[in-house]
C-alpha atoms as a PDB file:
ATOM      1  CA  MET A   1      40.651   1.696  16.778  1.00  0.00           C
ATOM      2  CA  ALA A   2      38.395   3.725  19.071  1.00  0.00           C
ATOM      3  CA  VAL A   3      36.754   5.360  16.065  1.00  0.00           C
ATOM      4  CA  ASN A   4      36.034   1.970  14.491  1.00  0.00           C
ATOM      5  CA  THR A   5      34.577   0.650  17.756  1.00  0.00           C
ATOM      6  CA  ILE A   6      32.257   3.637  18.071  1.00  0.00           C
ATOM      7  CA  SER A   7      31.228   3.301  14.426  1.00  0.00           C
ATOM      8  CA  ASP A   8      30.493  -0.426  14.789  1.00  0.00           C
ATOM      9  CA  THR A   9      28.535   0.165  17.991  1.00  0.00           C
ATOM     10  CA  TRP A  10      26.464   2.841  16.262  1.00  0.00           C
ATOM     11  CA  ARG A  11      25.636   0.537  13.338  1.00  0.00           C
ATOM     12  CA  VAL A  12      24.507  -2.247  15.675  1.00  0.00           C
ATOM     13  CA  ALA A  13      22.420   0.132  17.773  1.00  0.00           C
ATOM     14  CA  ARG A  14      20.808   1.618  14.685  1.00  0.00           C
ATOM     15  CA  GLY A  15      19.892  -1.858  13.450  1.00  0.00           C
ATOM     16  CA  VAL A  16      18.394  -2.852  16.816  1.00  0.00           C
ATOM     17  CA  VAL A  17      16.237   0.266  16.856  1.00  0.00           C
ATOM     18  CA  SER A  18      15.274   0.327  13.172  1.00  0.00           C
ATOM     19  CA  TYR A  19      14.231  -3.331  12.825  1.00  0.00           C
ATOM     20  CA  PRO A  20      11.142  -3.178  15.081  1.00  0.00           C
ATOM     21  CA  LEU A  21      10.214   0.161  13.500  1.00  0.00           C
ATOM     22  CA  SER A  22      10.498  -1.450  10.066  1.00  0.00           C
ATOM     23  CA  MET A  23       8.281  -4.321  11.218  1.00  0.00           C
ATOM     24  CA  LEU A  24       5.684  -1.842  12.485  1.00  0.00           C
ATOM     25  CA  HIS A  25       5.783   0.053   9.179  1.00  0.00           C
ATOM     26  CA  TRP A  26       5.520  -3.227   7.237  1.00  0.00           C
ATOM     27  CA  GLY A  27       2.505  -4.360   9.230  1.00  0.00           C
ATOM     28  CA  SER A  28       0.826  -0.995   8.677  1.00  0.00           C
ATOM     29  CA  MET A  29       1.454  -1.255   4.922  1.00  0.00           C
ATOM     30  CA  LYS A  30      -0.140  -4.724   4.749  1.00  0.00           C
ATOM     31  CA  PHE A  31      -3.215  -3.381   6.497  1.00  0.00           C
ATOM     32  CA  ARG A  32      -3.544  -0.290   4.278  1.00  0.00           C
ATOM     33  CA  TYR A  33      -2.946  -1.683   0.787  1.00  0.00           C
ATOM     34  CA  GLY A  34      -4.844  -4.283  -1.193  1.00  0.00           C
ATOM     35  CA  VAL A  35      -3.206  -6.566  -3.740  1.00  0.00           C
ATOM     36  CA  LYS A  36      -2.666  -5.128  -7.228  1.00  0.00           C
ATOM     37  CA  GLU A  37      -2.606  -7.589 -10.118  1.00  0.00           C
ATOM     38  CA  TRP A  38      -0.358  -7.226 -13.155  1.00  0.00           C
ATOM     39  CA  HIS A  39      -0.667  -9.038 -16.505  1.00  0.00           C
ATOM     40  CA  PRO A  40       2.500  -8.253 -18.496  1.00  0.00           C
ATOM     41  CA  MET A  41       1.881 -11.198 -20.811  1.00  0.00           C
ATOM     42  CA  SER A  42      -1.123  -9.279 -22.181  1.00  0.00           C
ATOM     43  CA  VAL A  43       1.333  -6.561 -23.199  1.00  0.00           C
ATOM     44  CA  LEU A  44       3.531  -9.172 -24.869  1.00  0.00           C
ATOM     45  CA  GLY A  45       0.764 -10.677 -26.980  1.00  0.00           C
ATOM     46  CA  GLU A  46      -1.191 -13.123 -24.827  1.00  0.00           C
ATOM     47  CA  GLU A  47      -4.817 -13.195 -25.974  1.00  0.00           C
ATOM     48  CA  ASP A  48      -6.970 -10.962 -23.782  1.00  0.00           C
ATOM     49  CA  PRO A  49     -10.041  -9.405 -25.442  1.00  0.00           C
ATOM     50  CA  ASP A  50     -10.537  -6.976 -22.544  1.00  0.00           C
ATOM     51  CA  PHE A  51      -6.991  -5.593 -22.690  1.00  0.00           C
ATOM     52  CA  LYS A  52      -6.831  -2.042 -24.063  1.00  0.00           C
ATOM     53  CA  MET A  53      -3.705   0.079 -24.421  1.00  0.00           C
ATOM     54  CA  ALA A  54      -2.167   3.182 -25.929  1.00  0.00           C
ATOM     55  CA  LEU A  55       1.142   2.755 -27.764  1.00  0.00           C
ATOM     56  CA  PHE A  56       4.020   5.232 -27.902  1.00  0.00           C
ATOM     57  CA  LEU A  57       6.680   4.462 -30.495  1.00  0.00           C
ATOM     58  CA  GLU A  58       9.920   6.197 -29.511  1.00  0.00           C
ATOM     59  CA  SER A  59      13.264   5.976 -31.328  1.00  0.00           C
ATOM     60  CA  GLN A  60      13.563   2.187 -31.112  1.00  0.00           C
ATOM     61  CA  PRO A  61      14.863   0.617 -34.350  1.00  0.00           C
ATOM     62  CA  PHE A  62      13.016  -2.424 -35.658  1.00  0.00           C
ATOM     63  CA  HIS A  63      15.098  -5.587 -35.252  1.00  0.00           C
ATOM     64  CA  GLU A  64      14.259  -9.163 -36.148  1.00  0.00           C
ATOM     65  CA  GLU A  65      13.834 -10.034 -32.466  1.00  0.00           C
ATOM     66  CA  ASN A  66      11.400  -7.219 -31.673  1.00  0.00           C
ATOM     67  CA  ARG A  67       9.548  -6.305 -34.875  1.00  0.00           C
ATOM     68  CA  ASN A  68       6.812  -8.922 -34.426  1.00  0.00           C
ATOM     69  CA  ILE A  69       6.101  -7.739 -30.868  1.00  0.00           C
ATOM     70  CA  ILE A  70       5.984  -4.095 -31.960  1.00  0.00           C
ATOM     71  CA  LEU A  71       3.760  -4.831 -34.952  1.00  0.00           C
ATOM     72  CA  ASP A  72       1.404  -6.869 -32.768  1.00  0.00           C
ATOM     73  CA  LEU A  73       1.231  -4.010 -30.246  1.00  0.00           C
ATOM     74  CA  TRP A  74       0.550  -1.552 -33.058  1.00  0.00           C
ATOM     75  CA  LYS A  75      -2.360  -3.605 -34.389  1.00  0.00           C
ATOM     76  CA  ARG A  76      -3.894  -4.104 -30.929  1.00  0.00           C
ATOM     77  CA  ALA A  77      -3.490  -0.546 -29.613  1.00  0.00           C
ATOM     78  CA  LYS A  78      -6.526   1.722 -29.247  1.00  0.00           C
ATOM     79  CA  LEU A  79      -4.391   4.813 -29.867  1.00  0.00           C
ATOM     80  CA  ARG A  80      -0.948   5.046 -31.505  1.00  0.00           C
ATOM     81  CA  ALA A  81       1.611   7.824 -31.201  1.00  0.00           C
ATOM     82  CA  CYS A  82       4.911   8.159 -33.062  1.00  0.00           C
ATOM     83  CA  VAL A  83       7.230  10.212 -30.874  1.00  0.00           C
ATOM     84  CA  ASP A  84       9.683  12.377 -32.828  1.00  0.00           C
ATOM     85  CA  GLN A  85      12.325  10.026 -34.330  1.00  0.00           C
ATOM     86  CA  GLY A  86       9.919   7.169 -33.742  1.00  0.00           C
ATOM     87  CA  LEU A  87       8.125   8.469 -36.833  1.00  0.00           C
ATOM     88  CA  ILE A  88      11.316   7.996 -38.864  1.00  0.00           C
ATOM     89  CA  GLU A  89      11.715   4.416 -37.601  1.00  0.00           C
ATOM     90  CA  TRP A  90       8.060   3.670 -38.344  1.00  0.00           C
ATOM     91  CA  ASP A  91       8.318   5.177 -41.835  1.00  0.00           C
ATOM     92  CA  HIS A  92      11.427   3.096 -42.594  1.00  0.00           C
ATOM     93  CA  PHE A  93       9.662  -0.024 -41.372  1.00  0.00           C
ATOM     94  CA  ILE A  94       6.510   0.598 -43.422  1.00  0.00           C
ATOM     95  CA  LYS A  95       8.524   1.252 -46.578  1.00  0.00           C
ATOM     96  CA  SER A  96      10.458  -1.989 -46.055  1.00  0.00           C
ATOM     97  CA  LEU A  97       7.245  -4.013 -46.353  1.00  0.00           C
ATOM     98  CA  GLU A  98       5.745  -5.364 -49.529  1.00  0.00           C
ATOM     99  CA  GLU A  99       2.832  -3.312 -50.841  1.00  0.00           C
ATOM    100  CA  ALA A 100       0.347  -6.079 -50.022  1.00  0.00           C
ATOM    101  CA  ASP A 101       1.527  -6.204 -46.399  1.00  0.00           C
ATOM    102  CA  ARG A 102       0.993  -2.474 -45.847  1.00  0.00           C
ATOM    103  CA  SER A 103      -2.710  -2.366 -46.618  1.00  0.00           C
ATOM    104  CA  ASP A 104      -4.037  -3.533 -43.244  1.00  0.00           C
ATOM    105  CA  ILE A 105      -1.609  -1.508 -41.084  1.00  0.00           C
ATOM    106  CA  LEU A 106      -3.229   1.524 -39.491  1.00  0.00           C
ATOM    107  CA  MET A 107      -1.652   4.973 -39.529  1.00  0.00           C
ATOM    108  CA  PRO A 108      -0.513   6.642 -36.294  1.00  0.00           C
ATOM    109  CA  ASP A 109      -3.194   8.721 -34.582  1.00  0.00           C
ATOM    110  CA  ILE A 110      -0.650  11.206 -33.217  1.00  0.00           C
ATOM    111  CA  ILE A 111       2.817  12.320 -34.298  1.00  0.00           C
ATOM    112  CA  SER A 112       4.587  14.543 -31.797  1.00  0.00           C
ATOM    113  CA  GLY A 113       7.957  15.917 -30.727  1.00  0.00           C
ATOM    114  CA  ASP A 114      10.126  18.945 -31.422  1.00  0.00           C
ATOM    115  CA  PHE A 115      10.523  17.643 -35.018  1.00  0.00           C
ATOM    116  CA  LYS A 116      14.079  18.986 -35.330  1.00  0.00           C
ATOM    117  CA  SER A 117      15.315  15.720 -36.826  1.00  0.00           C
ATOM    118  CA  VAL A 118      12.204  14.779 -38.817  1.00  0.00           C
ATOM    119  CA  ASP A 119      11.805  15.702 -42.484  1.00  0.00           C
ATOM    120  CA  PRO A 120       8.800  18.074 -42.806  1.00  0.00           C
ATOM    121  CA  ASP A 121       7.715  16.163 -45.914  1.00  0.00           C
ATOM    122  CA  ILE A 122       7.310  12.998 -43.828  1.00  0.00           C
ATOM    123  CA  ILE A 123       5.213  14.901 -41.288  1.00  0.00           C
ATOM    124  CA  SER A 124       3.019  16.313 -44.069  1.00  0.00           C
ATOM    125  CA  GLN A 125       2.683  12.874 -45.625  1.00  0.00           C
ATOM    126  CA  TYR A 126       1.291  11.372 -42.408  1.00  0.00           C
ATOM    127  CA  GLN A 127      -0.908  14.401 -41.738  1.00  0.00           C
ATOM    128  CA  SER A 128      -2.499  13.892 -45.153  1.00  0.00           C
ATOM    129  CA  ARG A 129      -3.385  10.365 -44.055  1.00  0.00           C
ATOM    130  CA  GLY A 130      -5.170  11.531 -40.919  1.00  0.00           C
ATOM    131  CA  ALA A 131      -2.463  11.766 -38.244  1.00  0.00           C
ATOM    132  CA  LYS A 132      -2.534  14.771 -35.914  1.00  0.00           C
ATOM    133  CA  ALA A 133       0.828  16.548 -35.650  1.00  0.00           C
ATOM    134  CA  GLU A 134       1.547  18.118 -32.250  1.00  0.00           C
ATOM    135  CA  LYS A 135       4.826  20.014 -31.926  1.00  0.00           C
ATOM    136  CA  ARG A 136       6.510  20.209 -28.522  1.00  0.00           C
ATOM    137  CA  GLU A 137       7.366  23.791 -27.568  1.00  0.00           C
ATOM    138  CA  ASP A 138       8.293  23.371 -23.881  1.00  0.00           C
ATOM    139  CA  ARG A 139      12.038  22.672 -23.609  1.00  0.00           C
ATOM    140  CA  HIS A 140      11.605  21.419 -20.035  1.00  0.00           C
ATOM    141  CA  GLU A 141       9.404  18.591 -21.264  1.00  0.00           C
ATOM    142  CA  THR A 142      10.558  15.376 -22.917  1.00  0.00           C
ATOM    143  CA  ASP A 143       9.101  14.274 -26.238  1.00  0.00           C
ATOM    144  CA  LEU A 144       7.669  11.168 -24.596  1.00  0.00           C
ATOM    145  CA  HIS A 145       5.889  13.044 -21.811  1.00  0.00           C
ATOM    146  CA  HIS A 146       4.508  15.497 -24.365  1.00  0.00           C
ATOM    147  CA  ALA A 147       3.044  12.542 -26.274  1.00  0.00           C
ATOM    148  CA  VAL A 148       1.630  11.021 -23.086  1.00  0.00           C
ATOM    149  CA  LYS A 149      -0.249  14.253 -22.316  1.00  0.00           C
ATOM    150  CA  ILE A 150      -1.629  14.436 -25.860  1.00  0.00           C
ATOM    151  CA  ILE A 151      -2.841  10.830 -25.752  1.00  0.00           C
ATOM    152  CA  LYS A 152      -4.463  11.439 -22.364  1.00  0.00           C
ATOM    153  CA  ASN A 153      -6.352  14.421 -23.807  1.00  0.00           C
ATOM    154  CA  GLU A 154      -7.350  12.368 -26.847  1.00  0.00           C
ATOM    155  CA  LEU A 155      -8.669   9.555 -24.653  1.00  0.00           C
ATOM    156  CA  THR A 156     -10.699  12.060 -22.656  1.00  0.00           C
ATOM    157  CA  ALA A 157     -12.111  13.643 -25.818  1.00  0.00           C
ATOM    158  CA  ARG A 158     -13.104  10.225 -27.181  1.00  0.00           C
ATOM    159  CA  ASN A 159     -14.384   9.035 -23.796  1.00  0.00           C
ATOM    160  CA  GLN A 160     -12.178   5.949 -24.104  1.00  0.00           C
ATOM    161  CA  LYS A 161     -10.604   3.901 -21.319  1.00  0.00           C
ATOM    162  CA  ILE A 162      -7.364   1.922 -21.464  1.00  0.00           C
ATOM    163  CA  ASN A 163      -5.652  -0.559 -19.153  1.00  0.00           C
ATOM    164  CA  CYS A 164      -2.163   0.803 -19.719  1.00  0.00           C
ATOM    165  CA  GLY A 165       0.263   2.677 -21.908  1.00  0.00           C
ATOM    166  CA  VAL A 166       3.231   0.985 -23.593  1.00  0.00           C
ATOM    167  CA  ALA A 167       6.258   3.037 -24.663  1.00  0.00           C
ATOM    168  CA  VAL A 168       8.630   1.324 -27.093  1.00  0.00           C
ATOM    169  CA  VAL A 169      12.022   2.856 -26.296  1.00  0.00           C
ATOM    170  CA  ASN A 170      15.692   2.456 -27.109  1.00  0.00           C
ATOM    171  CA  ALA A 171      17.243   1.730 -23.703  1.00  0.00           C
ATOM    172  CA  ASN A 172      20.610   0.774 -25.197  1.00  0.00           C
ATOM    173  CA  ASP A 173      21.533   4.254 -26.331  1.00  0.00           C
ATOM    174  CA  ARG A 174      22.372   7.202 -24.033  1.00  0.00           C
ATOM    175  CA  PHE A 175      22.273   6.733 -20.258  1.00  0.00           C
ATOM    176  CA  ASP A 176      20.634  10.134 -19.694  1.00  0.00           C
ATOM    177  CA  HIS A 177      17.841   9.178 -22.083  1.00  0.00           C
ATOM    178  CA  THR A 178      17.369   5.930 -20.181  1.00  0.00           C
ATOM    179  CA  MET A 179      17.013   7.860 -16.923  1.00  0.00           C
ATOM    180  CA  ALA A 180      14.464  10.152 -18.598  1.00  0.00           C
ATOM    181  CA  PHE A 181      12.472   7.038 -19.521  1.00  0.00           C
ATOM    182  CA  VAL A 182      12.628   5.890 -15.889  1.00  0.00           C
ATOM    183  CA  ASN A 183      11.342   9.292 -14.803  1.00  0.00           C
ATOM    184  CA  GLU A 184       8.495   8.923 -17.281  1.00  0.00           C
ATOM    185  CA  LEU A 185       7.410   5.719 -15.535  1.00  0.00           C
ATOM    186  CA  PHE A 186       6.468   7.991 -12.647  1.00  0.00           C
ATOM    187  CA  GLN A 187       5.239  11.050 -14.571  1.00  0.00           C
ATOM    188  CA  GLY A 188       3.514   9.136 -17.338  1.00  0.00           C
ATOM    189  CA  SER A 189       1.632   6.744 -15.065  1.00  0.00           C
ATOM    190  CA  ASP A 190       0.300   9.695 -13.072  1.00  0.00           C
ATOM    191  CA  THR A 191      -0.728  11.568 -16.233  1.00  0.00           C
ATOM    192  CA  LEU A 192      -2.412   8.587 -17.913  1.00  0.00           C
ATOM    193  CA  GLU A 193      -3.896   7.415 -14.597  1.00  0.00           C
ATOM    194  CA  VAL A 194      -3.040   3.855 -15.650  1.00  0.00           C
ATOM    195  CA  PRO A 195       0.281   1.959 -15.592  1.00  0.00           C
ATOM    196  CA  LEU A 196       2.943   2.770 -18.174  1.00  0.00           C
ATOM    197  CA  TYR A 197       5.281   0.015 -19.402  1.00  0.00           C
ATOM    198  CA  LEU A 198       8.651   0.559 -21.061  1.00  0.00           C
ATOM    199  CA  LEU A 199       9.390  -2.002 -23.778  1.00  0.00           C
ATOM    200  CA  SER A 200      12.956  -2.109 -25.053  1.00  0.00           C
ATOM    201  CA  ASN A 201      14.747  -4.540 -27.321  1.00  0.00           C
ATOM    202  CA  LYS A 202      15.199  -7.113 -24.553  1.00  0.00           C
ATOM    203  CA  SER A 203      13.146  -6.044 -21.536  1.00  0.00           C
ATOM    204  CA  LEU A 204       9.789  -4.937 -20.155  1.00  0.00           C
ATOM    205  CA  THR A 205       9.904  -2.521 -17.218  1.00  0.00           C
ATOM    206  CA  TRP A 206       7.286  -0.817 -15.084  1.00  0.00           C
ATOM    207  CA  ARG A 207       6.775   0.879 -11.723  1.00  0.00           C
ATOM    208  CA  LEU A 208       5.321  -0.986  -8.768  1.00  0.00           C
ATOM    209  CA  PRO A 209       3.733   1.504  -6.340  1.00  0.00           C
ATOM    210  CA  THR A 210       3.940   1.013  -2.589  1.00  0.00           C
ATOM    211  CA  GLY A 211       1.936  -2.062  -1.629  1.00  0.00           C
ATOM    212  CA  ARG A 212       1.384  -5.705  -2.533  1.00  0.00           C
ATOM    213  CA  HIS A 213       1.560  -7.059  -6.066  1.00  0.00           C
ATOM    214  CA  ARG A 214       0.837 -10.271  -7.981  1.00  0.00           C
ATOM    215  CA  ILE A 215       2.498 -10.514 -11.394  1.00  0.00           C
ATOM    216  CA  PHE A 216       0.937 -13.229 -13.566  1.00  0.00           C
ATOM    217  CA  LEU A 217       3.333 -14.894 -16.012  1.00  0.00           C
ATOM    218  CA  ASN A 218       3.572 -17.973 -18.195  1.00  0.00           C
ATOM    219  CA  GLN A 219       6.236 -20.512 -19.073  1.00  0.00           C
ATOM    220  CA  SER A 220       7.632 -18.412 -21.935  1.00  0.00           C
ATOM    221  CA  VAL A 221       9.401 -16.195 -19.374  1.00  0.00           C
ATOM    222  CA  HIS A 222      10.322 -18.867 -16.818  1.00  0.00           C
ATOM    223  CA  LYS A 223      14.081 -18.692 -16.114  1.00  0.00           C
ATOM    224  CA  LYS A 224      14.290 -15.237 -17.710  1.00  0.00           C
ATOM    225  CA  TRP A 225      16.208 -12.578 -15.804  1.00  0.00           C
ATOM    226  CA  SER A 226      14.430 -10.081 -13.579  1.00  0.00           C
ATOM    227  CA  SER A 227      15.328  -7.137 -11.362  1.00  0.00           C
ATOM    228  CA  ILE A 228      13.800  -4.992  -8.619  1.00  0.00           C
ATOM    229  CA  ILE A 229      15.276  -1.506  -8.404  1.00  0.00           C
ATOM    230  CA  PRO A 230      14.554   1.121  -5.725  1.00  0.00           C
ATOM    231  CA  VAL A 231      14.251   4.659  -7.059  1.00  0.00           C
ATOM    232  CA  GLY A 232      15.108   7.738  -5.021  1.00  0.00           C
ATOM    233  CA  GLN A 233      14.800   6.147  -1.592  1.00  0.00           C
ATOM    234  CA  PRO A 234      15.371   2.809   0.148  1.00  0.00           C
ATOM    235  CA  ALA A 235      12.640   0.182  -0.079  1.00  0.00           C
ATOM    236  CA  TYR A 236      11.973  -2.924   2.015  1.00  0.00           C
ATOM    237  CA  VAL A 237      10.956  -5.773  -0.287  1.00  0.00           C
ATOM    238  CA  THR A 238       9.560  -9.283   0.177  1.00  0.00           C
ATOM    239  CA  THR A 239       9.099 -11.638  -2.792  1.00  0.00           C
ATOM    240  CA  THR A 240       7.990 -15.104  -3.853  1.00  0.00           C
ATOM    241  CA  GLY A 241       8.339 -16.771  -7.247  1.00  0.00           C
ATOM    242  CA  LEU A 242      11.911 -15.669  -7.974  1.00  0.00           C
ATOM    243  CA  ARG A 243      15.050 -17.771  -7.923  1.00  0.00           C
ATOM    244  CA  TRP A 244      16.480 -15.621  -5.125  1.00  0.00           C
ATOM    245  CA  ASN A 245      13.582 -14.455  -2.982  1.00  0.00           C
ATOM    246  CA  MET A 246      13.792 -11.733  -0.367  1.00  0.00           C
ATOM    247  CA  ILE A 247      12.238 -11.279   3.060  1.00  0.00           C
ATOM    248  CA  MET A 248      12.087  -7.662   4.159  1.00  0.00           C
ATOM    249  CA  GLN A 249      15.286  -6.977   2.220  1.00  0.00           C
ATOM    250  CA  ARG A 250      16.363  -3.342   2.289  1.00  0.00           C
ATOM    251  CA  LEU A 251      17.146  -2.268  -1.287  1.00  0.00           C
ATOM    252  CA  GLU A 252      18.986   0.997  -1.884  1.00  0.00           C
ATOM    253  CA  PHE A 253      21.714   2.494  -4.025  1.00  0.00           C
ATOM    254  CA  GLY A 254      24.946   2.390  -2.065  1.00  0.00           C
ATOM    255  CA  GLY A 255      23.731  -0.885  -0.559  1.00  0.00           C
ATOM    256  CA  VAL A 256      21.921  -3.871  -2.075  1.00  0.00           C
ATOM    257  CA  ILE A 257      19.867  -3.742  -5.276  1.00  0.00           C
ATOM    258  CA  SER A 258      18.290  -6.800  -6.880  1.00  0.00           C
ATOM    259  CA  THR A 259      19.664  -7.262 -10.397  1.00  0.00           C
ATOM    260  CA  SER A 260      20.296 -10.452 -12.375  1.00  0.00           C
ATOM    261  CA  ASN A 261      17.637 -12.335 -10.450  1.00  0.00           C
ATOM    262  CA  GLU A 262      15.574 -14.961 -12.251  1.00  0.00           C
ATOM    263  CA  ILE A 263      11.879 -15.708 -12.664  1.00  0.00           C
ATOM    264  CA  GLY A 264      10.972 -19.099 -11.244  1.00  0.00           C
ATOM    265  CA  ASP A 265       8.720 -21.747 -12.780  1.00  0.00           C
ATOM    266  CA  GLN A 266       5.506 -20.704 -11.008  1.00  0.00           C
ATOM    267  CA  LYS A 267       2.624 -18.897 -12.684  1.00  0.00           C
ATOM    268  CA  GLU A 268       3.108 -15.740 -10.666  1.00  0.00           C
ATOM    269  CA  VAL A 269       5.596 -13.584  -8.801  1.00  0.00           C
ATOM    270  CA  SER A 270       4.511 -11.732  -5.667  1.00  0.00           C
ATOM    271  CA  ILE A 271       6.231  -8.568  -4.472  1.00  0.00           C
ATOM    272  CA  GLU A 272       5.565  -6.455  -1.398  1.00  0.00           C
ATOM    273  CA  CYS A 273       7.314  -3.094  -1.172  1.00  0.00           C
ATOM    274  CA  ASP A 274       7.013  -0.217   1.276  1.00  0.00           C
ATOM    275  CA  ARG A 275       8.213   2.286  -1.335  1.00  0.00           C
ATOM    276  CA  PRO A 276       7.802   2.377  -5.142  1.00  0.00           C
ATOM    277  CA  VAL A 277      10.264   0.165  -7.043  1.00  0.00           C
ATOM    278  CA  LEU A 278      10.909  -0.731 -10.668  1.00  0.00           C
ATOM    279  CA  PHE A 279      10.349  -4.292 -11.850  1.00  0.00           C
ATOM    280  CA  SER A 280      12.106  -5.350 -15.040  1.00  0.00           C
ATOM    281  CA  MET A 281      12.087  -8.705 -16.831  1.00  0.00           C
ATOM    282  CA  GLY A 282      13.500 -10.334 -19.931  1.00  0.00           C
ATOM    283  CA  LEU A 283      11.292 -10.895 -22.963  1.00  0.00           C
ATOM    284  CA  PRO A 284      10.341 -14.388 -24.181  1.00  0.00           C
ATOM    285  CA  SER A 285      12.475 -13.834 -27.291  1.00  0.00           C
ATOM    286  CA  SER A 286      15.520 -12.448 -25.444  1.00  0.00           C
ATOM    287  CA  ALA A 287      18.531 -14.316 -24.137  1.00  0.00           C
END
């Protein structure tokens, strides 16, 4: 009983002390950071002539519910990379089309990976059509990050600018691969020097850095699920535009994390966070 009393007293005291400190930190953050705007609907096909991106096609199979989005991204991308088994998926998709439908589809600019599971004849076939093949030699590097670095170098060589990178990934496969994709949201964004989005079969996910954010949406994603996930450290989060909004909510693993939330019916969601978090949302075509 005495141990429980001491423990409870300590928790109360810690809360009394930490709350004003959190308020001070929050006020400092508001002063230091401007508002960053996000336009995920441009990724998902909304018309925006100024929107420029690089596309990374990982090992995501083409399904009826995602093939139109992927094909639209492919046509709009300024640079296209097939990442290891992504080349196999792309080759299967291309060969499934009628001959007349293939003519206006551009080839990948880059094919990369360790190529252990890719037929050398397929690699040679795409090289003969103008794709650059870049083999990954560093075993400490993921295929996706290797591709991100190559695309960054290619953008620099061409003196091209992009708004973001989009990696089409299979997030329904192995958990360790999923965590590697999450890590790439941090590594890849820093390497590209622009945001990196992860597009899976049913979700779009990206990293929100410390600060204030406005996410512009449209009615096609109203009532779709959303989540805000802290990564590596606790984060205090305030939101508007969600079904269950938060005011200085502490999010952390071992405590509260915001999953299975819902996008409201406004045109934007606002999020303030004192540490980087992941924002994930359902696609217009997903359940």
